[in-house]
Amino acid sequence: WRSSDWKAIAGLLKGAIMAFFGLAVLAEAIYKISADIVPVAETMGIVGLLVLTGNGLCFLLLFRHRSADINMRSTWLCSRNDVTANLAVLGAAGGVKAFASAWPDIMVGVAISGLFLKSAFSVLRESLVEWQRVRAKDEPETA
C-alpha cells in the first residue's frame, strides 16, 4: 500500500467521524426538545469563548494548507466547522439569555448538525474519488 492509499482511507475515516458528530449533535438537539431544560447562558458563553480561542488558532494555522490534499482539506473543514459552531453557540447563548428559552440552543444545534453532515459528505465524496483514482492507477493495462 502506498501513501496515497492511506490518505484516501484516512479521508474516508475522517468523513465518517464528521458524519457521526453531525448525527450526535442532531440527536442532542432532538433530546433537548423533549427534555425542556434551559441551558445556562453564562456557561455557554464562557465555554464558547474559550473553545473559540483554541479553534480559531488552529483554523489560522491550517488555512494555508487547506488545499494540500484530502487529509489537510478535511482537517481544515473540521476546524472551519468548529469556529463556525463556536460563533453560533455564542449567538445561541445570547438568545438563551434574552428569551430564557432553550430554542435558540436547539436551533443552533440543528444548524451545526447540518453543517457537519454537509462537510462530512463532501469529504467522503472526495475521498471516494481519490480512492478510485488510486485504485485505477494500480489496475494493469490490458491490450
N, C-alpha and C. Protein backbone atom coordinates (compact mmCIF):
# COMPACT_ATOMS: atom_id res chain seq x y z
N TRP A 1 0.84 -1.19 0.00
CA TRP A 1 0.00 0.00 0.00
C TRP A 1 0.87 1.23 0.00
N ARG A 2 0.44 2.20 -0.78
CA ARG A 2 1.21 3.44 -0.90
C ARG A 2 0.62 4.52 -0.01
N SER A 3 1.37 5.59 0.09
CA SER A 3 0.94 6.74 0.87
C SER A 3 -0.42 7.26 0.40
N SER A 4 -0.63 7.28 -0.91
CA SER A 4 -1.90 7.78 -1.45
C SER A 4 -3.07 6.88 -1.05
N ASP A 5 -2.82 5.57 -0.91
CA ASP A 5 -3.86 4.66 -0.42
C ASP A 5 -4.28 5.06 0.99
N TRP A 6 -3.29 5.27 1.83
CA TRP A 6 -3.56 5.61 3.23
C TRP A 6 -4.24 6.97 3.35
N LYS A 7 -3.86 7.91 2.49
CA LYS A 7 -4.51 9.23 2.53
C LYS A 7 -5.99 9.11 2.19
N ALA A 8 -6.31 8.31 1.20
CA ALA A 8 -7.71 8.13 0.83
C ALA A 8 -8.48 7.44 1.95
N ILE A 9 -7.87 6.43 2.56
CA ILE A 9 -8.52 5.72 3.67
C ILE A 9 -8.70 6.66 4.86
N ALA A 10 -7.68 7.45 5.16
CA ALA A 10 -7.78 8.40 6.27
C ALA A 10 -8.88 9.42 6.00
N GLY A 11 -9.01 9.85 4.76
CA GLY A 11 -10.08 10.78 4.40
C GLY A 11 -11.45 10.16 4.61
N LEU A 12 -11.60 8.89 4.23
CA LEU A 12 -12.87 8.20 4.46
C LEU A 12 -13.18 8.09 5.95
N LEU A 13 -12.17 7.77 6.74
CA LEU A 13 -12.36 7.66 8.18
C LEU A 13 -12.75 9.02 8.78
N LYS A 14 -12.05 10.08 8.37
CA LYS A 14 -12.38 11.41 8.88
C LYS A 14 -13.80 11.81 8.48
N GLY A 15 -14.19 11.52 7.25
CA GLY A 15 -15.55 11.83 6.82
C GLY A 15 -16.58 11.09 7.65
N ALA A 16 -16.31 9.82 7.95
CA ALA A 16 -17.23 9.04 8.78
C ALA A 16 -17.32 9.61 10.20
N ILE A 17 -16.20 10.03 10.75
CA ILE A 17 -16.19 10.62 12.09
C ILE A 17 -16.97 11.94 12.09
N MET A 18 -16.77 12.75 11.05
CA MET A 18 -17.50 14.01 10.94
C MET A 18 -19.01 13.74 10.86
N ALA A 19 -19.41 12.73 10.10
CA ALA A 19 -20.83 12.38 9.99
C ALA A 19 -21.37 11.92 11.34
N PHE A 20 -20.58 11.14 12.07
CA PHE A 20 -21.00 10.70 13.40
C PHE A 20 -21.25 11.90 14.31
N PHE A 21 -20.33 12.87 14.30
CA PHE A 21 -20.51 14.06 15.14
C PHE A 21 -21.76 14.83 14.72
N GLY A 22 -21.99 14.94 13.42
CA GLY A 22 -23.19 15.63 12.95
C GLY A 22 -24.46 14.95 13.43
N LEU A 23 -24.49 13.63 13.36
CA LEU A 23 -25.66 12.88 13.84
C LEU A 23 -25.80 12.99 15.36
N ALA A 24 -24.68 13.00 16.08
CA ALA A 24 -24.73 13.14 17.54
C ALA A 24 -25.29 14.51 17.94
N VAL A 25 -24.87 15.56 17.25
CA VAL A 25 -25.39 16.90 17.54
C VAL A 25 -26.88 16.96 17.24
N LEU A 26 -27.31 16.34 16.15
CA LEU A 26 -28.73 16.30 15.81
C LEU A 26 -29.52 15.54 16.88
N ALA A 27 -28.98 14.41 17.32
CA ALA A 27 -29.65 13.63 18.37
C ALA A 27 -29.78 14.44 19.66
N GLU A 28 -28.74 15.19 20.00
CA GLU A 28 -28.80 16.02 21.20
C GLU A 28 -29.86 17.12 21.06
N ALA A 29 -29.95 17.71 19.89
CA ALA A 29 -30.97 18.75 19.66
C ALA A 29 -32.37 18.16 19.81
N ILE A 30 -32.57 16.98 19.26
CA ILE A 30 -33.87 16.31 19.39
C ILE A 30 -34.17 16.00 20.85
N TYR A 31 -33.17 15.53 21.58
CA TYR A 31 -33.35 15.25 23.01
C TYR A 31 -33.74 16.53 23.76
N LYS A 32 -33.08 17.64 23.44
CA LYS A 32 -33.36 18.90 24.15
C LYS A 32 -34.78 19.39 23.91
N ILE A 33 -35.36 19.04 22.78
CA ILE A 33 -36.76 19.41 22.52
C ILE A 33 -37.67 18.74 23.54
N SER A 34 -37.42 17.47 23.81
CA SER A 34 -38.27 16.73 24.74
C SER A 34 -37.90 16.96 26.20
N ALA A 35 -36.66 17.34 26.49
CA ALA A 35 -36.21 17.50 27.88
C ALA A 35 -36.70 18.80 28.50
N ASP A 36 -36.95 19.82 27.70
CA ASP A 36 -37.43 21.11 28.20
C ASP A 36 -36.53 21.67 29.31
N ILE A 37 -35.22 21.65 29.06
CA ILE A 37 -34.24 22.20 30.00
C ILE A 37 -33.59 23.40 29.34
N VAL A 38 -33.60 24.55 30.04
CA VAL A 38 -32.96 25.75 29.52
C VAL A 38 -31.50 25.73 29.95
N PRO A 39 -30.56 25.76 29.00
CA PRO A 39 -29.14 25.75 29.38
C PRO A 39 -28.75 27.06 30.07
N VAL A 40 -27.63 27.03 30.77
CA VAL A 40 -27.12 28.21 31.46
C VAL A 40 -26.36 29.05 30.44
N ALA A 41 -26.91 30.21 30.11
CA ALA A 41 -26.34 31.06 29.06
C ALA A 41 -24.91 31.49 29.39
N GLU A 42 -24.65 31.80 30.65
CA GLU A 42 -23.31 32.25 31.03
C GLU A 42 -22.26 31.16 30.79
N THR A 43 -22.61 29.93 31.14
CA THR A 43 -21.69 28.81 30.91
C THR A 43 -21.47 28.61 29.42
N MET A 44 -22.54 28.69 28.64
CA MET A 44 -22.41 28.56 27.19
C MET A 44 -21.45 29.62 26.65
N GLY A 45 -21.59 30.84 27.14
CA GLY A 45 -20.75 31.94 26.66
C GLY A 45 -19.29 31.79 27.04
N ILE A 46 -19.04 31.43 28.29
CA ILE A 46 -17.65 31.28 28.75
C ILE A 46 -16.95 30.13 28.02
N VAL A 47 -17.60 28.99 27.99
CA VAL A 47 -17.01 27.83 27.31
C VAL A 47 -16.87 28.12 25.82
N GLY A 48 -17.89 28.76 25.24
CA GLY A 48 -17.83 29.10 23.82
C GLY A 48 -16.64 29.99 23.48
N LEU A 49 -16.36 30.98 24.33
CA LEU A 49 -15.22 31.88 24.09
C LEU A 49 -13.89 31.15 24.21
N LEU A 50 -13.77 30.30 25.23
CA LEU A 50 -12.53 29.56 25.43
C LEU A 50 -12.25 28.62 24.25
N VAL A 51 -13.27 27.90 23.85
CA VAL A 51 -13.10 26.94 22.76
C VAL A 51 -12.88 27.68 21.43
N LEU A 52 -13.55 28.82 21.25
CA LEU A 52 -13.34 29.61 20.04
C LEU A 52 -11.89 30.07 19.92
N THR A 53 -11.28 30.41 21.03
CA THR A 53 -9.88 30.85 21.01
C THR A 53 -8.98 29.74 20.47
N GLY A 54 -9.13 28.54 21.01
CA GLY A 54 -8.30 27.41 20.55
C GLY A 54 -8.60 27.02 19.12
N ASN A 55 -9.87 26.92 18.79
CA ASN A 55 -10.24 26.53 17.42
C ASN A 55 -9.86 27.61 16.41
N GLY A 56 -9.96 28.87 16.81
CA GLY A 56 -9.57 29.95 15.92
C GLY A 56 -8.09 29.90 15.58
N LEU A 57 -7.28 29.59 16.58
CA LEU A 57 -5.83 29.46 16.34
C LEU A 57 -5.54 28.30 15.38
N CYS A 58 -6.18 27.16 15.61
CA CYS A 58 -6.00 26.02 14.70
C CYS A 58 -6.43 26.37 13.28
N PHE A 59 -7.55 27.06 13.16
CA PHE A 59 -8.06 27.47 11.86
C PHE A 59 -7.03 28.32 11.12
N LEU A 60 -6.45 29.29 11.82
CA LEU A 60 -5.46 30.16 11.19
C LEU A 60 -4.21 29.39 10.77
N LEU A 61 -3.78 28.45 11.60
CA LEU A 61 -2.59 27.65 11.26
C LEU A 61 -2.83 26.74 10.06
N LEU A 62 -4.05 26.24 9.92
CA LEU A 62 -4.36 25.30 8.84
C LEU A 62 -4.77 25.98 7.53
N PHE A 63 -5.10 27.25 7.59
CA PHE A 63 -5.70 27.93 6.44
C PHE A 63 -4.87 27.78 5.17
N ARG A 64 -3.58 28.00 5.24
CA ARG A 64 -2.78 27.96 4.01
C ARG A 64 -2.57 26.54 3.48
N HIS A 65 -2.87 25.52 4.28
CA HIS A 65 -2.70 24.13 3.85
C HIS A 65 -4.02 23.47 3.44
N ARG A 66 -5.08 24.24 3.38
CA ARG A 66 -6.42 23.68 3.18
C ARG A 66 -6.61 22.95 1.85
N SER A 67 -5.74 23.21 0.88
CA SER A 67 -5.88 22.56 -0.43
C SER A 67 -4.75 21.58 -0.73
N ALA A 68 -3.91 21.28 0.26
CA ALA A 68 -2.74 20.43 0.03
C ALA A 68 -3.12 19.02 -0.42
N ASP A 69 -4.03 18.38 0.29
CA ASP A 69 -4.53 17.05 -0.07
C ASP A 69 -5.83 16.82 0.69
N ILE A 70 -6.43 15.67 0.50
CA ILE A 70 -7.74 15.40 1.10
C ILE A 70 -7.67 15.43 2.63
N ASN A 71 -6.56 14.99 3.20
CA ASN A 71 -6.46 14.99 4.66
C ASN A 71 -6.35 16.39 5.23
N MET A 72 -5.56 17.23 4.60
CA MET A 72 -5.47 18.62 5.07
C MET A 72 -6.79 19.34 4.84
N ARG A 73 -7.45 19.03 3.73
CA ARG A 73 -8.75 19.66 3.48
C ARG A 73 -9.78 19.24 4.53
N SER A 74 -9.82 17.96 4.85
CA SER A 74 -10.80 17.50 5.84
C SER A 74 -10.48 18.07 7.22
N THR A 75 -9.20 18.18 7.55
CA THR A 75 -8.81 18.77 8.83
C THR A 75 -9.18 20.24 8.87
N TRP A 76 -8.95 20.94 7.76
CA TRP A 76 -9.31 22.36 7.70
C TRP A 76 -10.83 22.53 7.78
N LEU A 77 -11.59 21.65 7.10
CA LEU A 77 -13.04 21.72 7.18
C LEU A 77 -13.53 21.52 8.61
N CYS A 78 -12.93 20.57 9.31
CA CYS A 78 -13.29 20.36 10.72
C CYS A 78 -13.02 21.62 11.53
N SER A 79 -11.88 22.23 11.30
CA SER A 79 -11.51 23.44 12.02
C SER A 79 -12.46 24.59 11.68
N ARG A 80 -12.78 24.73 10.41
CA ARG A 80 -13.72 25.77 9.99
C ARG A 80 -15.09 25.54 10.62
N ASN A 81 -15.53 24.29 10.62
CA ASN A 81 -16.81 23.97 11.23
C ASN A 81 -16.81 24.27 12.72
N ASP A 82 -15.71 23.97 13.38
CA ASP A 82 -15.61 24.24 14.82
C ASP A 82 -15.72 25.73 15.11
N VAL A 83 -15.01 26.55 14.34
CA VAL A 83 -15.07 28.00 14.54
C VAL A 83 -16.49 28.50 14.28
N THR A 84 -17.10 28.04 13.20
CA THR A 84 -18.48 28.43 12.89
C THR A 84 -19.43 28.01 14.00
N ALA A 85 -19.27 26.78 14.48
CA ALA A 85 -20.12 26.28 15.57
C ALA A 85 -19.90 27.10 16.84
N ASN A 86 -18.65 27.44 17.14
CA ASN A 86 -18.36 28.24 18.34
C ASN A 86 -19.04 29.60 18.27
N LEU A 87 -18.97 30.24 17.12
CA LEU A 87 -19.62 31.54 16.95
C LEU A 87 -21.14 31.40 17.09
N ALA A 88 -21.68 30.33 16.53
CA ALA A 88 -23.12 30.09 16.63
C ALA A 88 -23.54 29.82 18.08
N VAL A 89 -22.71 29.10 18.82
CA VAL A 89 -23.01 28.84 20.24
C VAL A 89 -23.01 30.14 21.03
N LEU A 90 -22.09 31.04 20.71
CA LEU A 90 -22.09 32.34 21.38
C LEU A 90 -23.39 33.10 21.08
N GLY A 91 -23.83 33.05 19.84
CA GLY A 91 -25.11 33.66 19.49
C GLY A 91 -26.27 33.00 20.20
N ALA A 92 -26.23 31.66 20.28
CA ALA A 92 -27.28 30.93 20.98
C ALA A 92 -27.29 31.28 22.46
N ALA A 93 -26.11 31.46 23.05
CA ALA A 93 -26.04 31.85 24.46
C ALA A 93 -26.75 33.18 24.67
N GLY A 94 -26.53 34.12 23.76
CA GLY A 94 -27.23 35.40 23.85
C GLY A 94 -28.73 35.22 23.72
N GLY A 95 -29.16 34.36 22.80
CA GLY A 95 -30.58 34.09 22.63
C GLY A 95 -31.20 33.40 23.83
N VAL A 96 -30.48 32.44 24.41
CA VAL A 96 -30.96 31.75 25.61
C VAL A 96 -31.15 32.75 26.74
N LYS A 97 -30.18 33.65 26.90
CA LYS A 97 -30.24 34.67 27.96
C LYS A 97 -31.40 35.64 27.71
N ALA A 98 -31.53 36.10 26.48
CA ALA A 98 -32.56 37.10 26.16
C ALA A 98 -33.98 36.55 26.28
N PHE A 99 -34.18 35.31 25.86
CA PHE A 99 -35.53 34.76 25.81
C PHE A 99 -35.83 33.74 26.91
N ALA A 100 -34.83 33.41 27.74
CA ALA A 100 -34.99 32.40 28.79
C ALA A 100 -35.63 31.13 28.20
N SER A 101 -35.08 30.71 27.08
CA SER A 101 -35.62 29.57 26.34
C SER A 101 -34.47 28.72 25.80
N ALA A 102 -34.75 27.43 25.66
CA ALA A 102 -33.77 26.52 25.07
C ALA A 102 -33.79 26.57 23.55
N TRP A 103 -34.79 27.18 22.95
CA TRP A 103 -34.95 27.14 21.50
C TRP A 103 -33.79 27.73 20.71
N PRO A 104 -33.18 28.84 21.14
CA PRO A 104 -32.01 29.30 20.38
C PRO A 104 -30.90 28.24 20.33
N ASP A 105 -30.67 27.56 21.45
CA ASP A 105 -29.67 26.50 21.51
C ASP A 105 -30.05 25.33 20.61
N ILE A 106 -31.31 24.96 20.62
CA ILE A 106 -31.79 23.84 19.79
C ILE A 106 -31.65 24.17 18.30
N MET A 107 -32.05 25.38 17.92
CA MET A 107 -31.96 25.77 16.51
C MET A 107 -30.51 25.81 16.04
N VAL A 108 -29.63 26.32 16.88
CA VAL A 108 -28.20 26.34 16.51
C VAL A 108 -27.67 24.91 16.42
N GLY A 109 -28.10 24.04 17.32
CA GLY A 109 -27.67 22.64 17.26
C GLY A 109 -28.06 21.97 15.96
N VAL A 110 -29.28 22.21 15.51
CA VAL A 110 -29.74 21.63 14.23
C VAL A 110 -28.91 22.19 13.07
N ALA A 111 -28.64 23.50 13.11
CA ALA A 111 -27.84 24.12 12.04
C ALA A 111 -26.41 23.57 12.04
N ILE A 112 -25.82 23.43 13.21
CA ILE A 112 -24.46 22.88 13.32
C ILE A 112 -24.44 21.44 12.79
N SER A 113 -25.46 20.68 13.13
CA SER A 113 -25.55 19.31 12.64
C SER A 113 -25.56 19.29 11.11
N GLY A 114 -26.34 20.17 10.52
CA GLY A 114 -26.38 20.26 9.06
C GLY A 114 -25.03 20.60 8.46
N LEU A 115 -24.33 21.55 9.08
CA LEU A 115 -23.00 21.94 8.61
C LEU A 115 -22.04 20.76 8.69
N PHE A 116 -22.04 20.06 9.82
CA PHE A 116 -21.15 18.91 9.99
C PHE A 116 -21.46 17.82 8.96
N LEU A 117 -22.74 17.53 8.76
CA LEU A 117 -23.11 16.48 7.82
C LEU A 117 -22.77 16.87 6.38
N LYS A 118 -23.00 18.12 6.02
CA LYS A 118 -22.65 18.58 4.67
C LYS A 118 -21.14 18.43 4.44
N SER A 119 -20.35 18.85 5.40
CA SER A 119 -18.89 18.73 5.28
C SER A 119 -18.47 17.27 5.23
N ALA A 120 -19.10 16.44 6.05
CA ALA A 120 -18.76 15.01 6.08
C ALA A 120 -19.01 14.37 4.71
N PHE A 121 -20.15 14.67 4.11
CA PHE A 121 -20.45 14.08 2.81
C PHE A 121 -19.50 14.60 1.73
N SER A 122 -19.08 15.84 1.85
CA SER A 122 -18.10 16.40 0.91
C SER A 122 -16.77 15.65 1.03
N VAL A 123 -16.30 15.45 2.26
CA VAL A 123 -15.04 14.74 2.48
C VAL A 123 -15.17 13.29 2.03
N LEU A 124 -16.28 12.64 2.34
CA LEU A 124 -16.47 11.26 1.91
C LEU A 124 -16.47 11.14 0.39
N ARG A 125 -17.16 12.05 -0.28
CA ARG A 125 -17.20 12.04 -1.74
C ARG A 125 -15.80 12.22 -2.33
N GLU A 126 -15.06 13.22 -1.83
CA GLU A 126 -13.70 13.47 -2.34
C GLU A 126 -12.78 12.29 -2.05
N SER A 127 -12.94 11.69 -0.89
CA SER A 127 -12.09 10.55 -0.52
C SER A 127 -12.38 9.34 -1.40
N LEU A 128 -13.65 9.12 -1.71
CA LEU A 128 -14.00 8.01 -2.61
C LEU A 128 -13.44 8.23 -4.01
N VAL A 129 -13.51 9.46 -4.49
CA VAL A 129 -12.93 9.78 -5.81
C VAL A 129 -11.43 9.52 -5.78
N GLU A 130 -10.77 9.96 -4.72
CA GLU A 130 -9.32 9.75 -4.59
C GLU A 130 -9.00 8.25 -4.51
N TRP A 131 -9.78 7.52 -3.75
CA TRP A 131 -9.58 6.07 -3.62
C TRP A 131 -9.72 5.39 -4.99
N GLN A 132 -10.75 5.76 -5.75
CA GLN A 132 -10.94 5.18 -7.08
C GLN A 132 -9.80 5.56 -8.02
N ARG A 133 -9.32 6.79 -7.92
CA ARG A 133 -8.20 7.23 -8.75
C ARG A 133 -6.95 6.41 -8.43
N VAL A 134 -6.69 6.21 -7.16
CA VAL A 134 -5.52 5.43 -6.73
C VAL A 134 -5.66 3.98 -7.19
N ARG A 135 -6.84 3.42 -7.04
CA ARG A 135 -7.08 2.03 -7.44
C ARG A 135 -6.94 1.88 -8.95
N ALA A 136 -7.40 2.88 -9.71
CA ALA A 136 -7.31 2.81 -11.17
C ALA A 136 -5.85 2.80 -11.63
N LYS A 137 -4.99 3.50 -10.91
CA LYS A 137 -3.56 3.50 -11.26
C LYS A 137 -2.94 2.12 -11.06
N ASP A 138 -3.48 1.38 -10.10
CA ASP A 138 -2.94 0.06 -9.79
C ASP A 138 -3.42 -1.02 -10.76
N GLU A 139 -4.47 -0.72 -11.53
CA GLU A 139 -5.02 -1.70 -12.48
C GLU A 139 -4.02 -1.89 -13.62
N PRO A 140 -3.68 -3.12 -13.94
CA PRO A 140 -2.80 -3.35 -15.10
C PRO A 140 -3.57 -3.06 -16.39
N GLU A 141 -2.87 -2.48 -17.35
CA GLU A 141 -3.49 -2.19 -18.65
C GLU A 141 -3.60 -3.48 -19.44
N THR A 142 -4.73 -3.64 -20.12
CA THR A 142 -4.92 -4.82 -20.97
C THR A 142 -4.85 -4.38 -22.43
N ALA A 143 -4.28 -5.24 -23.25
CA ALA A 143 -4.11 -4.90 -24.68
C ALA A 143 -5.19 -5.48 -25.52
